[in-house]
Amino acid sequence: MATFDSIVGWIRQGYPQGVDRTDFPPLLALLTRVLDEKDVTRVAQTLADEAGIPTVTEQQIHDAIERVTDQSPTPEEINQVASRLAAGGWPLAVTVADS
């Protein structure tokens, strides 16, 4: 399994200007495939802190994770995000949804 730092690094490489709002749900969906909720929350909080978004709380992240798990992004949305992360070394063979 990938380490927390590796995952954050892949996201930084794929999104050097920060994660787009539209890509955040598919990104969470990808993360929930390889991390537990606590680590997904840590990743999201790390990215929010780096982007200077001080109002993101653990509860907001938890709520976003629940929305993603209740209403999954489409395979196309997940593949779009996974493609961006591939440039940073994301292990696509493990995470990309089947087309």
PDB file of N, CA and C in Angstrom:
ATOM      1  N   MET A   1       0.845  -1.183   0.000  1.00  0.00           N
ATOM      2  CA  MET A   1       0.000   0.000   0.000  1.00  0.00           C
ATOM      3  C   MET A   1       0.888   1.242   0.000  1.00  0.00           C
ATOM      4  N   ALA A   2       0.413   2.237  -0.661  1.00  0.00           N
ATOM      5  CA  ALA A   2       1.152   3.495  -0.758  1.00  0.00           C
ATOM      6  C   ALA A   2       1.122   4.223   0.586  1.00  0.00           C
ATOM      7  N   THR A   3       2.151   4.992   0.820  1.00  0.00           N
ATOM      8  CA  THR A   3       2.195   5.765   2.054  1.00  0.00           C
ATOM      9  C   THR A   3       1.417   7.064   1.892  1.00  0.00           C
ATOM     10  N   PHE A   4       1.054   7.633   3.026  1.00  0.00           N
ATOM     11  CA  PHE A   4       0.344   8.913   3.043  1.00  0.00           C
ATOM     12  C   PHE A   4       1.108   9.959   2.247  1.00  0.00           C
ATOM     13  N   ASP A   5       2.412  10.078   2.501  1.00  0.00           N
ATOM     14  CA  ASP A   5       3.226  11.078   1.808  1.00  0.00           C
ATOM     15  C   ASP A   5       3.263  10.845   0.301  1.00  0.00           C
ATOM     16  N   SER A   6       3.288   9.580  -0.125  1.00  0.00           N
ATOM     17  CA  SER A   6       3.280   9.279  -1.564  1.00  0.00           C
ATOM     18  C   SER A   6       1.980   9.745  -2.199  1.00  0.00           C
ATOM     19  N   ILE A   7       0.883   9.486  -1.533  1.00  0.00           N
ATOM     20  CA  ILE A   7      -0.420   9.870  -2.079  1.00  0.00           C
ATOM     21  C   ILE A   7      -0.537  11.384  -2.184  1.00  0.00           C
ATOM     22  N   VAL A   8      -0.133  12.085  -1.141  1.00  0.00           N
ATOM     23  CA  VAL A   8      -0.159  13.553  -1.191  1.00  0.00           C
ATOM     24  C   VAL A   8       0.758  14.043  -2.314  1.00  0.00           C
ATOM     25  N   GLY A   9       1.906  13.418  -2.480  1.00  0.00           N
ATOM     26  CA  GLY A   9       2.832  13.786  -3.561  1.00  0.00           C
ATOM     27  C   GLY A   9       2.226  13.586  -4.934  1.00  0.00           C
ATOM     28  N   TRP A  10       1.525  12.476  -5.137  1.00  0.00           N
ATOM     29  CA  TRP A  10       0.883  12.225  -6.428  1.00  0.00           C
ATOM     30  C   TRP A  10      -0.178  13.280  -6.716  1.00  0.00           C
ATOM     31  N   ILE A  11      -0.922  13.647  -5.697  1.00  0.00           N
ATOM     32  CA  ILE A  11      -1.952  14.667  -5.887  1.00  0.00           C
ATOM     33  C   ILE A  11      -1.311  16.015  -6.217  1.00  0.00           C
ATOM     34  N   ARG A  12      -0.250  16.360  -5.525  1.00  0.00           N
ATOM     35  CA  ARG A  12       0.451  17.622  -5.807  1.00  0.00           C
ATOM     36  C   ARG A  12       0.985  17.643  -7.237  1.00  0.00           C
ATOM     37  N   GLN A  13       1.526  16.510  -7.695  1.00  0.00           N
ATOM     38  CA  GLN A  13       2.043  16.432  -9.064  1.00  0.00           C
ATOM     39  C   GLN A  13       0.925  16.559 -10.095  1.00  0.00           C
ATOM     40  N   GLY A  14      -0.183  15.895  -9.841  1.00  0.00           N
ATOM     41  CA  GLY A  14      -1.302  15.921 -10.788  1.00  0.00           C
ATOM     42  C   GLY A  14      -2.070  17.229 -10.779  1.00  0.00           C
ATOM     43  N   TYR A  15      -2.016  17.920  -9.651  1.00  0.00           N
ATOM     44  CA  TYR A  15      -2.739  19.178  -9.484  1.00  0.00           C
ATOM     45  C   TYR A  15      -1.813  20.241  -8.905  1.00  0.00           C
ATOM     46  N   PRO A  16      -0.845  20.685  -9.683  1.00  0.00           N
ATOM     47  CA  PRO A  16       0.125  21.657  -9.139  1.00  0.00           C
ATOM     48  C   PRO A  16      -0.505  22.982  -8.713  1.00  0.00           C
ATOM     49  N   GLN A  17      -1.649  23.354  -9.261  1.00  0.00           N
ATOM     50  CA  GLN A  17      -2.346  24.578  -8.860  1.00  0.00           C
ATOM     51  C   GLN A  17      -3.452  24.294  -7.855  1.00  0.00           C
ATOM     52  N   GLY A  18      -3.546  23.070  -7.368  1.00  0.00           N
ATOM     53  CA  GLY A  18      -4.598  22.688  -6.439  1.00  0.00           C
ATOM     54  C   GLY A  18      -5.694  21.911  -7.145  1.00  0.00           C
ATOM     55  N   VAL A  19      -6.440  21.152  -6.389  1.00  0.00           N
ATOM     56  CA  VAL A  19      -7.497  20.307  -6.947  1.00  0.00           C
ATOM     57  C   VAL A  19      -8.701  21.160  -7.302  1.00  0.00           C
ATOM     58  N   ASP A  20      -9.186  21.003  -8.533  1.00  0.00           N
ATOM     59  CA  ASP A  20     -10.395  21.694  -8.982  1.00  0.00           C
ATOM     60  C   ASP A  20     -11.592  21.190  -8.178  1.00  0.00           C
ATOM     61  N   ARG A  21     -12.554  22.087  -7.931  1.00  0.00           N
ATOM     62  CA  ARG A  21     -13.772  21.690  -7.199  1.00  0.00           C
ATOM     63  C   ARG A  21     -14.468  20.512  -7.868  1.00  0.00           C
ATOM     64  N   THR A  22     -14.520  20.518  -9.197  1.00  0.00           N
ATOM     65  CA  THR A  22     -15.220  19.448  -9.902  1.00  0.00           C
ATOM     66  C   THR A  22     -14.484  18.118  -9.809  1.00  0.00           C
ATOM     67  N   ASP A  23     -13.186  18.160  -9.579  1.00  0.00           N
ATOM     68  CA  ASP A  23     -12.404  16.933  -9.473  1.00  0.00           C
ATOM     69  C   ASP A  23     -12.338  16.393  -8.047  1.00  0.00           C
ATOM     70  N   PHE A  24     -12.784  17.172  -7.079  1.00  0.00           N
ATOM     71  CA  PHE A  24     -12.665  16.737  -5.695  1.00  0.00           C
ATOM     72  C   PHE A  24     -13.482  15.481  -5.384  1.00  0.00           C
ATOM     73  N   PRO A  25     -14.771  15.379  -5.804  1.00  0.00           N
ATOM     74  CA  PRO A  25     -15.510  14.130  -5.523  1.00  0.00           C
ATOM     75  C   PRO A  25     -14.866  12.884  -6.132  1.00  0.00           C
ATOM     76  N   PRO A  26     -14.445  12.904  -7.413  1.00  0.00           N
ATOM     77  CA  PRO A  26     -13.783  11.707  -7.930  1.00  0.00           C
ATOM     78  C   PRO A  26     -12.451  11.427  -7.230  1.00  0.00           C
ATOM     79  N   LEU A  27     -11.753  12.480  -6.808  1.00  0.00           N
ATOM     80  CA  LEU A  27     -10.505  12.273  -6.076  1.00  0.00           C
ATOM     81  C   LEU A  27     -10.795  11.564  -4.759  1.00  0.00           C
ATOM     82  N   LEU A  28     -11.812  12.010  -4.037  1.00  0.00           N
ATOM     83  CA  LEU A  28     -12.183  11.328  -2.798  1.00  0.00           C
ATOM     84  C   LEU A  28     -12.551   9.874  -3.070  1.00  0.00           C
ATOM     85  N   ALA A  29     -13.253   9.635  -4.162  1.00  0.00           N
ATOM     86  CA  ALA A  29     -13.632   8.262  -4.500  1.00  0.00           C
ATOM     87  C   ALA A  29     -12.395   7.405  -4.724  1.00  0.00           C
ATOM     88  N   LEU A  30     -11.403   7.944  -5.408  1.00  0.00           N
ATOM     89  CA  LEU A  30     -10.153   7.205  -5.605  1.00  0.00           C
ATOM     90  C   LEU A  30      -9.447   6.956  -4.276  1.00  0.00           C
ATOM     91  N   LEU A  31      -9.408   7.974  -3.447  1.00  0.00           N
ATOM     92  CA  LEU A  31      -8.716   7.842  -2.164  1.00  0.00           C
ATOM     93  C   LEU A  31      -9.378   6.812  -1.264  1.00  0.00           C
ATOM     94  N   THR A  32     -10.721   6.745  -1.292  1.00  0.00           N
ATOM     95  CA  THR A  32     -11.405   5.782  -0.425  1.00  0.00           C
ATOM     96  C   THR A  32     -11.149   4.343  -0.857  1.00  0.00           C
ATOM     97  N   ARG A  33     -10.610   4.157  -2.030  1.00  0.00           N
ATOM     98  CA  ARG A  33     -10.262   2.811  -2.498  1.00  0.00           C
ATOM     99  C   ARG A  33      -8.947   2.333  -1.902  1.00  0.00           C
ATOM    100  N   VAL A  34      -8.097   3.273  -1.500  1.00  0.00           N
ATOM    101  CA  VAL A  34      -6.764   2.888  -1.026  1.00  0.00           C
ATOM    102  C   VAL A  34      -6.461   3.326   0.403  1.00  0.00           C
ATOM    103  N   LEU A  35      -7.309   4.164   0.991  1.00  0.00           N
ATOM    104  CA  LEU A  35      -7.085   4.673   2.344  1.00  0.00           C
ATOM    105  C   LEU A  35      -8.339   4.503   3.192  1.00  0.00           C
ATOM    106  N   ASP A  36      -8.150   4.449   4.500  1.00  0.00           N
ATOM    107  CA  ASP A  36      -9.323   4.474   5.368  1.00  0.00           C
ATOM    108  C   ASP A  36      -9.793   5.919   5.515  1.00  0.00           C
ATOM    109  N   GLU A  37     -10.967   6.103   6.121  1.00  0.00           N
ATOM    110  CA  GLU A  37     -11.562   7.442   6.202  1.00  0.00           C
ATOM    111  C   GLU A  37     -10.664   8.430   6.958  1.00  0.00           C
ATOM    112  N   LYS A  38     -10.003   7.965   7.990  1.00  0.00           N
ATOM    113  CA  LYS A  38      -9.113   8.838   8.762  1.00  0.00           C
ATOM    114  C   LYS A  38      -8.005   9.408   7.871  1.00  0.00           C
ATOM    115  N   ASP A  39      -7.395   8.550   7.045  1.00  0.00           N
ATOM    116  CA  ASP A  39      -6.323   9.022   6.168  1.00  0.00           C
ATOM    117  C   ASP A  39      -6.843   9.878   5.020  1.00  0.00           C
ATOM    118  N   VAL A  40      -8.035   9.561   4.501  1.00  0.00           N
ATOM    119  CA  VAL A  40      -8.638  10.419   3.471  1.00  0.00           C
ATOM    120  C   VAL A  40      -8.858  11.813   4.053  1.00  0.00           C
ATOM    121  N   THR A  41      -9.330  11.863   5.289  1.00  0.00           N
ATOM    122  CA  THR A  41      -9.542  13.149   5.960  1.00  0.00           C
ATOM    123  C   THR A  41      -8.221  13.893   6.105  1.00  0.00           C
ATOM    124  N   ARG A  42      -7.161  13.189   6.481  1.00  0.00           N
ATOM    125  CA  ARG A  42      -5.837  13.814   6.617  1.00  0.00           C
ATOM    126  C   ARG A  42      -5.350  14.376   5.280  1.00  0.00           C
ATOM    127  N   VAL A  43      -5.535  13.617   4.206  1.00  0.00           N
ATOM    128  CA  VAL A  43      -5.130  14.092   2.872  1.00  0.00           C
ATOM    129  C   VAL A  43      -5.911  15.345   2.513  1.00  0.00           C
ATOM    130  N   ALA A  44      -7.228  15.301   2.672  1.00  0.00           N
ATOM    131  CA  ALA A  44      -8.065  16.452   2.317  1.00  0.00           C
ATOM    132  C   ALA A  44      -7.695  17.672   3.156  1.00  0.00           C
ATOM    133  N   GLN A  45      -7.454  17.473   4.444  1.00  0.00           N
ATOM    134  CA  GLN A  45      -7.089  18.591   5.309  1.00  0.00           C
ATOM    135  C   GLN A  45      -5.728  19.160   4.919  1.00  0.00           C
ATOM    136  N   THR A  46      -4.786  18.299   4.581  1.00  0.00           N
ATOM    137  CA  THR A  46      -3.462  18.740   4.140  1.00  0.00           C
ATOM    138  C   THR A  46      -3.576  19.597   2.890  1.00  0.00           C
ATOM    139  N   LEU A  47      -4.368  19.134   1.917  1.00  0.00           N
ATOM    140  CA  LEU A  47      -4.534  19.878   0.671  1.00  0.00           C
ATOM    141  C   LEU A  47      -5.248  21.206   0.906  1.00  0.00           C
ATOM    142  N   ALA A  48      -6.254  21.199   1.780  1.00  0.00           N
ATOM    143  CA  ALA A  48      -6.971  22.439   2.093  1.00  0.00           C
ATOM    144  C   ALA A  48      -6.047  23.431   2.787  1.00  0.00           C
ATOM    145  N   ASP A  49      -5.236  22.949   3.715  1.00  0.00           N
ATOM    146  CA  ASP A  49      -4.283  23.823   4.403  1.00  0.00           C
ATOM    147  C   ASP A  49      -3.289  24.440   3.421  1.00  0.00           C
ATOM    148  N   GLU A  50      -2.779  23.621   2.509  1.00  0.00           N
ATOM    149  CA  GLU A  50      -1.820  24.113   1.514  1.00  0.00           C
ATOM    150  C   GLU A  50      -2.452  25.142   0.592  1.00  0.00           C
ATOM    151  N   ALA A  51      -3.738  24.981   0.315  1.00  0.00           N
ATOM    152  CA  ALA A  51      -4.439  25.909  -0.573  1.00  0.00           C
ATOM    153  C   ALA A  51      -4.908  27.158   0.165  1.00  0.00           C
ATOM    154  N   GLY A  52      -4.669  27.191   1.481  1.00  0.00           N
ATOM    155  CA  GLY A  52      -5.077  28.352   2.257  1.00  0.00           C
ATOM    156  C   GLY A  52      -6.570  28.420   2.495  1.00  0.00           C
ATOM    157  N   ILE A  53      -7.213  27.268   2.580  1.00  0.00           N
ATOM    158  CA  ILE A  53      -8.652  27.206   2.823  1.00  0.00           C
ATOM    159  C   ILE A  53      -8.839  26.872   4.307  1.00  0.00           C
ATOM    160  N   PRO A  54      -8.961  27.893   5.144  1.00  0.00           N
ATOM    161  CA  PRO A  54      -9.000  27.646   6.584  1.00  0.00           C
ATOM    162  C   PRO A  54     -10.334  27.151   7.115  1.00  0.00           C
ATOM    163  N   THR A  55     -11.390  27.213   6.332  1.00  0.00           N
ATOM    164  CA  THR A  55     -12.717  26.893   6.855  1.00  0.00           C
ATOM    165  C   THR A  55     -13.110  25.428   6.694  1.00  0.00           C
ATOM    166  N   VAL A  56     -12.246  24.596   6.127  1.00  0.00           N
ATOM    167  CA  VAL A  56     -12.583  23.190   5.946  1.00  0.00           C
ATOM    168  C   VAL A  56     -12.367  22.458   7.265  1.00  0.00           C
ATOM    169  N   THR A  57     -13.444  21.865   7.768  1.00  0.00           N
ATOM    170  CA  THR A  57     -13.378  21.134   9.028  1.00  0.00           C
ATOM    171  C   THR A  57     -13.369  19.631   8.767  1.00  0.00           C
ATOM    172  N   GLU A  58     -12.999  18.876   9.778  1.00  0.00           N
ATOM    173  CA  GLU A  58     -13.055  17.426   9.648  1.00  0.00           C
ATOM    174  C   GLU A  58     -14.472  16.962   9.353  1.00  0.00           C
ATOM    175  N   GLN A  59     -15.455  17.617   9.945  1.00  0.00           N
ATOM    176  CA  GLN A  59     -16.847  17.236   9.696  1.00  0.00           C
ATOM    177  C   GLN A  59     -17.228  17.481   8.232  1.00  0.00           C
ATOM    178  N   GLN A  60     -16.785  18.595   7.663  1.00  0.00           N
ATOM    179  CA  GLN A  60     -17.072  18.867   6.252  1.00  0.00           C
ATOM    180  C   GLN A  60     -16.431  17.812   5.360  1.00  0.00           C
ATOM    181  N   ILE A  61     -15.219  17.416   5.692  1.00  0.00           N
ATOM    182  CA  ILE A  61     -14.542  16.371   4.914  1.00  0.00           C
ATOM    183  C   ILE A  61     -15.289  15.052   5.070  1.00  0.00           C
ATOM    184  N   HIS A  62     -15.660  14.723   6.295  1.00  0.00           N
ATOM    185  CA  HIS A  62     -16.425  13.503   6.551  1.00  0.00           C
ATOM    186  C   HIS A  62     -17.729  13.502   5.745  1.00  0.00           C
ATOM    187  N   ASP A  63     -18.429  14.633   5.738  1.00  0.00           N
ATOM    188  CA  ASP A  63     -19.677  14.750   4.978  1.00  0.00           C
ATOM    189  C   ASP A  63     -19.428  14.558   3.486  1.00  0.00           C
ATOM    190  N   ALA A  64     -18.326  15.110   2.991  1.00  0.00           N
ATOM    191  CA  ALA A  64     -17.990  14.953   1.566  1.00  0.00           C
ATOM    192  C   ALA A  64     -17.689  13.489   1.253  1.00  0.00           C
ATOM    193  N   ILE A  65     -16.988  12.813   2.145  1.00  0.00           N
ATOM    194  CA  ILE A  65     -16.691  11.390   1.940  1.00  0.00           C
ATOM    195  C   ILE A  65     -17.998  10.598   1.900  1.00  0.00           C
ATOM    196  N   GLU A  66     -18.916  10.902   2.802  1.00  0.00           N
ATOM    197  CA  GLU A  66     -20.208  10.212   2.806  1.00  0.00           C
ATOM    198  C   GLU A  66     -20.975  10.441   1.509  1.00  0.00           C
ATOM    199  N   ARG A  67     -20.951  11.671   1.002  1.00  0.00           N
ATOM    200  CA  ARG A  67     -21.639  11.958  -0.273  1.00  0.00           C
ATOM    201  C   ARG A  67     -21.029  11.138  -1.397  1.00  0.00           C
ATOM    202  N   VAL A  68     -19.706  11.029  -1.403  1.00  0.00           N
ATOM    203  CA  VAL A  68     -19.031  10.272  -2.454  1.00  0.00           C
ATOM    204  C   VAL A  68     -19.371   8.793  -2.355  1.00  0.00           C
ATOM    205  N   THR A  69     -19.385   8.262  -1.150  1.00  0.00           N
ATOM    206  CA  THR A  69     -19.680   6.838  -1.013  1.00  0.00           C
ATOM    207  C   THR A  69     -21.146   6.533  -1.253  1.00  0.00           C
ATOM    208  N   ASP A  70     -22.032   7.501  -1.006  1.00  0.00           N
ATOM    209  CA  ASP A  70     -23.453   7.306  -1.279  1.00  0.00           C
ATOM    210  C   ASP A  70     -23.798   7.518  -2.748  1.00  0.00           C
ATOM    211  N   GLN A  71     -23.088   8.401  -3.413  1.00  0.00           N
ATOM    212  CA  GLN A  71     -23.378   8.753  -4.803  1.00  0.00           C
ATOM    213  C   GLN A  71     -22.051   8.839  -5.550  1.00  0.00           C
ATOM    214  N   SER A  72     -21.577   7.705  -6.004  1.00  0.00           N
ATOM    215  CA  SER A  72     -20.258   7.631  -6.622  1.00  0.00           C
ATOM    216  C   SER A  72     -20.174   8.443  -7.908  1.00  0.00           C
ATOM    217  N   PRO A  73     -18.997   9.047  -8.148  1.00  0.00           N
ATOM    218  CA  PRO A  73     -18.773   9.714  -9.432  1.00  0.00           C
ATOM    219  C   PRO A  73     -18.811   8.678 -10.554  1.00  0.00           C
ATOM    220  N   THR A  74     -19.020   9.161 -11.752  1.00  0.00           N
ATOM    221  CA  THR A  74     -19.055   8.259 -12.898  1.00  0.00           C
ATOM    222  C   THR A  74     -17.657   7.711 -13.179  1.00  0.00           C
ATOM    223  N   PRO A  75     -17.578   6.590 -13.874  1.00  0.00           N
ATOM    224  CA  PRO A  75     -16.259   6.066 -14.249  1.00  0.00           C
ATOM    225  C   PRO A  75     -15.453   7.087 -15.059  1.00  0.00           C
ATOM    226  N   GLU A  76     -16.139   7.878 -15.881  1.00  0.00           N
ATOM    227  CA  GLU A  76     -15.434   8.893 -16.683  1.00  0.00           C
ATOM    228  C   GLU A  76     -14.799   9.953 -15.782  1.00  0.00           C
ATOM    229  N   GLU A  77     -15.538  10.390 -14.752  1.00  0.00           N
ATOM    230  CA  GLU A  77     -14.993  11.382 -13.821  1.00  0.00           C
ATOM    231  C   GLU A  77     -13.788  10.829 -13.064  1.00  0.00           C
ATOM    232  N   ILE A  78     -13.907   9.586 -12.625  1.00  0.00           N
ATOM    233  CA  ILE A  78     -12.793   8.966 -11.910  1.00  0.00           C
ATOM    234  C   ILE A  78     -11.595   8.806 -12.830  1.00  0.00           C
ATOM    235  N   ASN A  79     -11.817   8.373 -14.066  1.00  0.00           N
ATOM    236  CA  ASN A  79     -10.709   8.217 -15.014  1.00  0.00           C
ATOM    237  C   ASN A  79     -10.055   9.553 -15.336  1.00  0.00           C
ATOM    238  N   GLN A  80     -10.847  10.621 -15.403  1.00  0.00           N
ATOM    239  CA  GLN A  80     -10.285  11.951 -15.665  1.00  0.00           C
ATOM    240  C   GLN A  80      -9.322  12.348 -14.556  1.00  0.00           C
ATOM    241  N   VAL A  81      -9.742  12.133 -13.313  1.00  0.00           N
ATOM    242  CA  VAL A  81      -8.888  12.461 -12.173  1.00  0.00           C
ATOM    243  C   VAL A  81      -7.676  11.530 -12.140  1.00  0.00           C
ATOM    244  N   ALA A  82      -7.904  10.247 -12.354  1.00  0.00           N
ATOM    245  CA  ALA A  82      -6.807   9.285 -12.342  1.00  0.00           C
ATOM    246  C   ALA A  82      -5.762   9.612 -13.398  1.00  0.00           C
ATOM    247  N   SER A  83      -6.200  10.100 -14.539  1.00  0.00           N
ATOM    248  CA  SER A  83      -5.258  10.475 -15.599  1.00  0.00           C
ATOM    249  C   SER A  83      -4.342  11.604 -15.145  1.00  0.00           C
ATOM    250  N   ARG A  84      -4.901  12.577 -14.429  1.00  0.00           N
ATOM    251  CA  ARG A  84      -4.070  13.674 -13.914  1.00  0.00           C
ATOM    252  C   ARG A  84      -3.068  13.163 -12.896  1.00  0.00           C
ATOM    253  N   LEU A  85      -3.509  12.222 -12.067  1.00  0.00           N
ATOM    254  CA  LEU A  85      -2.630  11.691 -11.034  1.00  0.00           C
ATOM    255  C   LEU A  85      -1.550  10.772 -11.605  1.00  0.00           C
ATOM    256  N   ALA A  86      -1.814  10.193 -12.770  1.00  0.00           N
ATOM    257  CA  ALA A  86      -0.837   9.297 -13.387  1.00  0.00           C
ATOM    258  C   ALA A  86       0.491   9.999 -13.626  1.00  0.00           C
ATOM    259  N   ALA A  87       0.445  11.268 -13.957  1.00  0.00           N
ATOM    260  CA  ALA A  87       1.674  12.028 -14.186  1.00  0.00           C
ATOM    261  C   ALA A  87       2.543  12.090 -12.931  1.00  0.00           C
ATOM    262  N   GLY A  88       1.918  11.981 -11.773  1.00  0.00           N
ATOM    263  CA  GLY A  88       2.654  12.016 -10.524  1.00  0.00           C
ATOM    264  C   GLY A  88       3.016  10.652  -9.981  1.00  0.00           C
ATOM    265  N   GLY A  89       2.663   9.585 -10.714  1.00  0.00           N
ATOM    266  CA  GLY A  89       3.037   8.252 -10.296  1.00  0.00           C
ATOM    267  C   GLY A  89       1.944   7.431  -9.638  1.00  0.00           C
ATOM    268  N   TRP A  90       0.702   7.897  -9.706  1.00  0.00           N
ATOM    269  CA  TRP A  90      -0.415   7.159  -9.102  1.00  0.00           C
ATOM    270  C   TRP A  90      -0.486   5.756  -9.693  1.00  0.00           C
ATOM    271  N   PRO A  91      -0.651   4.728  -8.865  1.00  0.00           N
ATOM    272  CA  PRO A  91      -0.701   3.338  -9.371  1.00  0.00           C
ATOM    273  C   PRO A  91      -2.050   3.030 -10.019  1.00  0.00           C
ATOM    274  N   LEU A  92      -2.209   3.451 -11.253  1.00  0.00           N
ATOM    275  CA  LEU A  92      -3.493   3.355 -11.941  1.00  0.00           C
ATOM    276  C   LEU A  92      -4.037   1.951 -12.063  1.00  0.00           C
ATOM    277  N   ALA A  93      -3.188   0.974 -12.173  1.00  0.00           N
ATOM    278  CA  ALA A  93      -3.683  -0.395 -12.343  1.00  0.00           C
ATOM    279  C   ALA A  93      -4.541  -0.824 -11.164  1.00  0.00           C
ATOM    280  N   VAL A  94      -4.346  -0.204 -10.033  1.00  0.00           N
ATOM    281  CA  VAL A  94      -5.092  -0.564  -8.834  1.00  0.00           C
ATOM    282  C   VAL A  94      -6.388   0.208  -8.723  1.00  0.00           C
ATOM    283  N   THR A  95      -6.445   1.429  -9.289  1.00  0.00           N
ATOM    284  CA  THR A  95      -7.543   2.303  -8.944  1.00  0.00           C
ATOM    285  C   THR A  95      -8.467   2.726 -10.065  1.00  0.00           C
ATOM    286  N   VAL A  96      -8.069   2.660 -11.296  1.00  0.00           N
ATOM    287  CA  VAL A  96      -8.917   3.173 -12.374  1.00  0.00           C
ATOM    288  C   VAL A  96     -10.128   2.287 -12.565  1.00  0.00           C
ATOM    289  N   ALA A  97     -11.289   2.915 -12.646  1.00  0.00           N
ATOM    290  CA  ALA A  97     -12.537   2.185 -12.882  1.00  0.00           C
ATOM    291  C   ALA A  97     -12.516   1.583 -14.273  1.00  0.00           C
ATOM    292  N   ASP A  98     -13.122   0.416 -14.404  1.00  0.00           N
ATOM    293  CA  ASP A  98     -13.205  -0.215 -15.723  1.00  0.00           C
ATOM    294  C   ASP A  98     -14.117   0.585 -16.618  1.00  0.00           C
ATOM    295  N   SER A  99     -13.703   0.729 -17.862  1.00  0.00           N
ATOM    296  CA  SER A  99     -14.512   1.483 -18.821  1.00  0.00           C
ATOM    297  C   SER A  99     -15.528   0.593 -19.479  1.00  0.00           C
TER     298      SER A  99
END
